[in-house]
C-alpha atoms as a PDB file:
ATOM      1  CA  UNK A   1      17.025  47.661  48.884  1.00  0.00           C
ATOM      2  CA  UNK A   2      17.308  48.564  45.127  1.00  0.00           C
ATOM      3  CA  UNK A   3      20.855  48.533  43.641  1.00  0.00           C
ATOM      4  CA  UNK A   4      21.231  50.354  40.389  1.00  0.00           C
ATOM      5  CA  UNK A   5      24.299  49.777  38.349  1.00  0.00           C
ATOM      6  CA  UNK A   6      25.885  50.862  34.903  1.00  0.00           C
ATOM      7  CA  UNK A   7      28.766  48.111  35.368  1.00  0.00           C
ATOM      8  CA  UNK A   8      29.072  46.098  32.103  1.00  0.00           C
ATOM      9  CA  UNK A   9      30.048  42.560  31.986  1.00  0.00           C
ATOM     10  CA  UNK A  10      33.755  43.669  31.793  1.00  0.00           C
ATOM     11  CA  UNK A  11      34.524  46.463  34.148  1.00  0.00           C
ATOM     12  CA  UNK A  12      32.722  49.398  34.936  1.00  0.00           C
ATOM     13  CA  UNK A  13      32.515  51.266  31.822  1.00  0.00           C
ATOM     14  CA  UNK A  14      29.274  53.087  30.796  1.00  0.00           C
ATOM     15  CA  UNK A  15      27.363  51.616  27.976  1.00  0.00           C
ATOM     16  CA  UNK A  16      26.022  53.961  25.346  1.00  0.00           C
ATOM     17  CA  UNK A  17      23.076  53.123  23.456  1.00  0.00           C
ATOM     18  CA  UNK A  18      20.687  54.355  20.768  1.00  0.00           C
ATOM     19  CA  UNK A  19      16.901  53.849  21.601  1.00  0.00           C
ATOM     20  CA  UNK A  20      14.158  53.304  18.806  1.00  0.00           C
ATOM     21  CA  UNK A  21      10.822  52.011  19.116  1.00  0.00           C
ATOM     22  CA  UNK A  22       8.601  50.596  16.497  1.00  0.00           C
ATOM     23  CA  UNK A  23       5.313  52.636  16.105  1.00  0.00           C
ATOM     24  CA  UNK A  24       1.935  51.536  14.808  1.00  0.00           C
ATOM     25  CA  UNK A  25       2.806  52.415  11.318  1.00  0.00           C
ATOM     26  CA  UNK A  26       5.527  49.898  11.650  1.00  0.00           C
ATOM     27  CA  UNK A  27       8.291  52.614  11.325  1.00  0.00           C
ATOM     28  CA  UNK A  28      11.065  53.005  13.709  1.00  0.00           C
ATOM     29  CA  UNK A  29      11.062  56.044  15.723  1.00  0.00           C
ATOM     30  CA  UNK A  30      14.387  57.599  17.223  1.00  0.00           C
ATOM     31  CA  UNK A  31      14.151  58.453  20.923  1.00  0.00           C
ATOM     32  CA  UNK A  32      17.778  59.586  21.560  1.00  0.00           C
ATOM     33  CA  UNK A  33      21.063  58.521  22.739  1.00  0.00           C
ATOM     34  CA  UNK A  34      21.793  57.528  26.385  1.00  0.00           C
ATOM     35  CA  UNK A  35      23.654  55.255  28.825  1.00  0.00           C
ATOM     36  CA  UNK A  36      21.983  51.899  29.926  1.00  0.00           C
ATOM     37  CA  UNK A  37      22.117  50.570  33.420  1.00  0.00           C
ATOM     38  CA  UNK A  38      19.998  48.041  35.408  1.00  0.00           C
ATOM     39  CA  UNK A  39      18.477  48.037  38.863  1.00  0.00           C
ATOM     40  CA  UNK A  40      17.380  45.035  41.133  1.00  0.00           C
ATOM     41  CA  UNK A  41      14.989  45.350  43.856  1.00  0.00           C
ATOM     42  CA  UNK A  42      15.617  42.784  46.753  1.00  0.00           C
ATOM     43  CA  UNK A  43      12.074  42.900  48.103  1.00  0.00           C
ATOM     44  CA  UNK A  44      10.206  42.187  44.705  1.00  0.00           C
ATOM     45  CA  UNK A  45      12.855  40.337  42.985  1.00  0.00           C
ATOM     46  CA  UNK A  46      12.355  42.544  40.219  1.00  0.00           C
ATOM     47  CA  UNK A  47      15.100  43.712  37.440  1.00  0.00           C
ATOM     48  CA  UNK A  48      14.619  46.931  35.658  1.00  0.00           C
ATOM     49  CA  UNK A  49      16.446  48.198  32.211  1.00  0.00           C
ATOM     50  CA  UNK A  50      16.780  51.845  32.559  1.00  0.00           C
ATOM     51  CA  UNK A  51      18.249  54.302  29.616  1.00  0.00           C
ATOM     52  CA  UNK A  52      19.267  57.799  30.806  1.00  0.00           C
ATOM     53  CA  UNK A  53      19.437  60.503  28.199  1.00  0.00           C
ATOM     54  CA  UNK A  54      23.019  61.358  27.291  1.00  0.00           C
ATOM     55  CA  UNK A  55      22.262  65.074  27.384  1.00  0.00           C
ATOM     56  CA  UNK A  56      21.137  65.657  30.913  1.00  0.00           C
ATOM     57  CA  UNK A  57      21.643  62.316  32.485  1.00  0.00           C
ATOM     58  CA  UNK A  58      18.448  62.387  34.426  1.00  0.00           C
ATOM     59  CA  UNK A  59      15.694  62.033  31.716  1.00  0.00           C
ATOM     60  CA  UNK A  60      14.558  58.461  31.514  1.00  0.00           C
ATOM     61  CA  UNK A  61      14.357  57.458  27.739  1.00  0.00           C
ATOM     62  CA  UNK A  62      13.319  53.877  28.944  1.00  0.00           C
ATOM     63  CA  UNK A  63      12.465  52.226  32.198  1.00  0.00           C
ATOM     64  CA  UNK A  64      11.358  48.785  31.548  1.00  0.00           C
ATOM     65  CA  UNK A  65      10.888  45.976  33.966  1.00  0.00           C
ATOM     66  CA  UNK A  66      12.122  42.359  33.274  1.00  0.00           C
ATOM     67  CA  UNK A  67      10.158  39.623  34.410  1.00  0.00           C
ATOM     68  CA  UNK A  68      11.469  36.064  35.375  1.00  0.00           C
ATOM     69  CA  UNK A  69      10.418  33.776  32.739  1.00  0.00           C
ATOM     70  CA  UNK A  70      11.888  30.591  34.284  1.00  0.00           C
ATOM     71  CA  UNK A  71      10.039  27.319  32.935  1.00  0.00           C
ATOM     72  CA  UNK A  72       9.715  24.848  35.540  1.00  0.00           C
END
């Protein structure tokens, strides 16, 4: 089961973000503004960070998996 939420640490407010990437010429490129959410898949234990465009709410500006980097 995969659960997705846009809940913040405090309450259930949506978090608005501005997304930039650093290109090969080391210049910041603006990819737009959206709302950030995260999802977690029980089967794979994988967490993802998602930014959806604030213009249409469905276009993903970012979909990035977060791996567990626990040191043992």
